Protein backbone atom coordinates (compact mmCIF):
# COMPACT_ATOMS: atom_id res chain seq x y z
CA MET A 1 34.43 2.58 -59.22
CA THR A 2 36.60 3.83 -56.60
CA SER A 3 35.45 7.40 -56.77
CA MET A 4 32.14 6.58 -56.84
CA LEU A 5 32.66 4.88 -53.42
CA VAL A 6 34.25 8.24 -52.13
CA ASP A 7 31.50 10.38 -53.72
CA TRP A 8 28.71 8.07 -52.07
CA LEU A 9 30.81 8.18 -48.36
CA GLU A 10 31.08 11.41 -48.46
CA GLN A 11 27.51 12.64 -49.28
CA PRO A 12 25.56 13.25 -46.36
CA ARG A 13 22.46 10.92 -45.63
CA PRO A 14 19.07 11.67 -43.95
CA HIS A 15 18.89 10.01 -40.42
CA ARG A 16 16.81 7.28 -39.83
CA ALA A 17 14.67 5.87 -37.33
CA LEU A 18 16.41 2.59 -35.74
CA ARG A 19 14.94 -0.66 -35.87
CA LEU A 20 15.40 -3.80 -34.42
CA VAL A 21 17.43 -6.23 -36.26
CA GLY A 22 16.22 -9.80 -35.86
CA GLY A 23 12.69 -11.11 -35.45
CA THR A 24 10.42 -9.08 -37.84
CA GLY A 25 12.42 -6.05 -37.72
CA VAL A 26 9.74 -3.99 -36.53
CA ALA A 27 10.25 -1.20 -33.49
CA PRO A 28 8.23 -2.40 -30.69
CA ALA A 29 5.50 -0.51 -29.64
CA PRO A 30 5.91 2.85 -27.08
CA PRO A 31 4.66 1.86 -23.75
CA ARG A 32 1.26 2.42 -22.75
CA HIS A 33 1.64 3.76 -19.39
CA ARG A 34 3.51 6.81 -18.36
CA ASP A 35 6.76 6.68 -16.49
CA PRO A 36 5.71 5.16 -12.94
CA ARG A 37 8.89 6.56 -11.13
CA PRO A 38 7.70 10.32 -10.44
CA VAL A 39 4.52 8.56 -9.24
CA ALA A 40 6.66 5.99 -6.93
CA GLN A 41 8.25 8.77 -5.25
CA ASN A 42 5.56 11.53 -4.78
CA PHE A 43 3.87 8.17 -2.98
CA ALA A 44 6.41 7.49 -0.92
CA ARG A 45 7.29 11.05 0.41
CA GLY A 46 3.64 11.02 0.74
CA VAL A 47 2.95 8.27 3.16
CA ALA A 48 6.69 9.70 4.92
CA GLU A 49 4.75 12.86 5.39
CA VAL A 50 1.59 11.16 6.91
CA MET A 51 3.47 9.22 9.14
CA ALA A 52 5.45 12.30 10.48
CA ARG A 53 1.87 14.66 10.49
CA THR A 54 2.82 16.76 8.40
CA ARG A 55 0.93 16.06 5.94
CA PRO A 56 -3.03 15.07 5.79
CA VAL A 57 -3.95 11.42 4.46
CA ASP A 58 -6.59 12.58 2.26
CA GLN A 59 -3.79 13.94 -0.27
CA LEU A 60 -2.66 10.38 -0.80
CA ARG A 61 -6.12 9.50 -2.45
CA ASP A 62 -5.00 10.19 -6.01
CA LEU A 63 -2.07 8.01 -5.57
CA ALA A 64 -3.38 4.86 -3.70
CA THR A 65 -6.50 2.57 -3.24
CA PHE A 66 -8.89 2.99 -0.38
CA GLU A 67 -7.28 -0.13 1.70
CA VAL A 68 -3.85 1.75 1.05
CA VAL A 69 -4.94 5.26 2.56
CA ARG A 70 -6.87 3.49 5.57
CA LEU A 71 -3.84 1.50 6.27
CA VAL A 72 -1.35 4.46 6.24
CA GLU A 73 -3.52 6.54 8.38
CA ARG A 74 -4.40 3.79 11.14
CA ALA A 75 -0.26 3.60 11.31
CA ALA A 76 -0.10 7.07 11.21
CA THR A 77 -2.18 7.27 14.55
CA ARG A 78 -0.29 4.76 15.95
CA GLN A 79 2.98 7.08 15.92
CA PRO A 80 3.69 8.91 19.32
CA HIS A 81 3.23 12.43 19.01
CA GLN A 82 5.45 15.03 19.38
CA GLY A 83 3.68 17.20 21.66
CA GLY A 84 4.30 20.80 21.07
CA GLN A 85 8.19 19.91 19.29
CA GLN A 86 8.69 21.20 15.43
CA ARG A 87 8.59 18.45 13.66
CA MET A 88 11.04 17.71 11.30
CA ARG A 89 9.68 16.68 7.56
CA PRO A 90 11.06 13.56 6.23
CA ARG A 91 13.64 13.13 3.37
CA LEU A 92 13.43 10.46 0.50
CA ARG A 93 16.88 8.88 0.68
CA SER A 94 16.06 6.78 -2.75
CA VAL A 95 13.07 4.58 -4.43
CA HIS A 96 13.67 1.27 -6.33
CA LEU A 97 11.62 -0.02 -8.82
CA ALA A 98 10.98 -3.17 -10.28
CA ALA A 99 8.68 -4.48 -12.90
CA VAL A 100 6.38 -7.45 -12.54
CA SER A 101 4.83 -7.05 -15.49
CA GLU A 102 3.59 -4.08 -17.69
CA SER A 103 1.30 -2.73 -15.65
CA VAL A 104 2.47 -3.92 -12.21
CA ILE A 105 5.38 -2.15 -10.22
CA GLU A 106 6.61 -3.39 -6.93
CA ALA A 107 9.00 -0.63 -5.16
CA CYS A 108 10.75 -0.15 -2.01
CA ALA A 109 12.09 3.38 -0.25
CA VAL A 110 14.26 4.57 2.19
CA ILE A 111 12.68 7.87 4.01
CA ASP A 112 15.59 9.50 6.50
CA GLY A 113 13.57 10.80 9.33
CA GLY A 114 16.12 12.13 11.48
CA VAL A 115 16.49 9.81 14.50
CA ARG A 116 16.08 7.08 12.41
CA SER A 117 15.40 5.84 9.18
CA ARG A 118 12.38 3.71 7.76
CA ALA A 119 11.55 1.65 4.95
CA LEU A 120 8.59 1.78 2.83
CA ALA A 121 7.85 -1.33 0.54
CA PHE A 122 4.81 -0.91 -1.67
CA ARG A 123 3.03 -2.30 -4.82
CA MET A 124 1.98 0.11 -7.69
CA GLU A 125 -0.53 -1.07 -10.62
CA SER A 126 -1.36 0.35 -13.64
CA THR A 127 -4.97 2.15 -13.88
CA GLY A 128 -6.94 3.71 -16.49
CA ASN A 129 -5.90 7.24 -14.62
CA GLY A 130 -2.41 6.32 -14.00
CA TRP A 131 -0.25 4.12 -11.22
CA LYS A 132 -1.82 3.53 -8.22
CA ALA A 133 -0.39 1.90 -4.76
CA THR A 134 -2.64 -1.13 -3.96
CA VAL A 135 -0.41 -2.78 -1.12
CA VAL A 136 2.00 -1.26 1.06
CA GLN A 137 4.29 -2.19 3.95
CA LEU A 138 5.83 0.12 6.27
CA GLY A 139 9.15 -0.61 8.10
């Protein structure tokens, strides 16, 4: 009996996919929505560059709703213009995400603009084509 146990332990076993223990024993379905982190980072970087006037606001169209794009555009026009000085490209310090639901993400970002840092808070919702910013608060 012992030799059978030793033989069984020494034989290689095929790897199995992990299963959840408890409940139904069925693994959860894969997420329906792609990872929002790269989209959130691109959106935050884009807003920072629009505010610094180094990127046209129209490049945010695929990442945000019409209302958000127009709000960012209005905020950028209120920024003081630096005249002929060379503009420093803002640097994205960090982006933090929190899932409100499977299709809603709230995010905040810290943007280093050289002289001062700024905060950006926004909400992203999953659409049929991916994630879009639906609300934004500039700080």
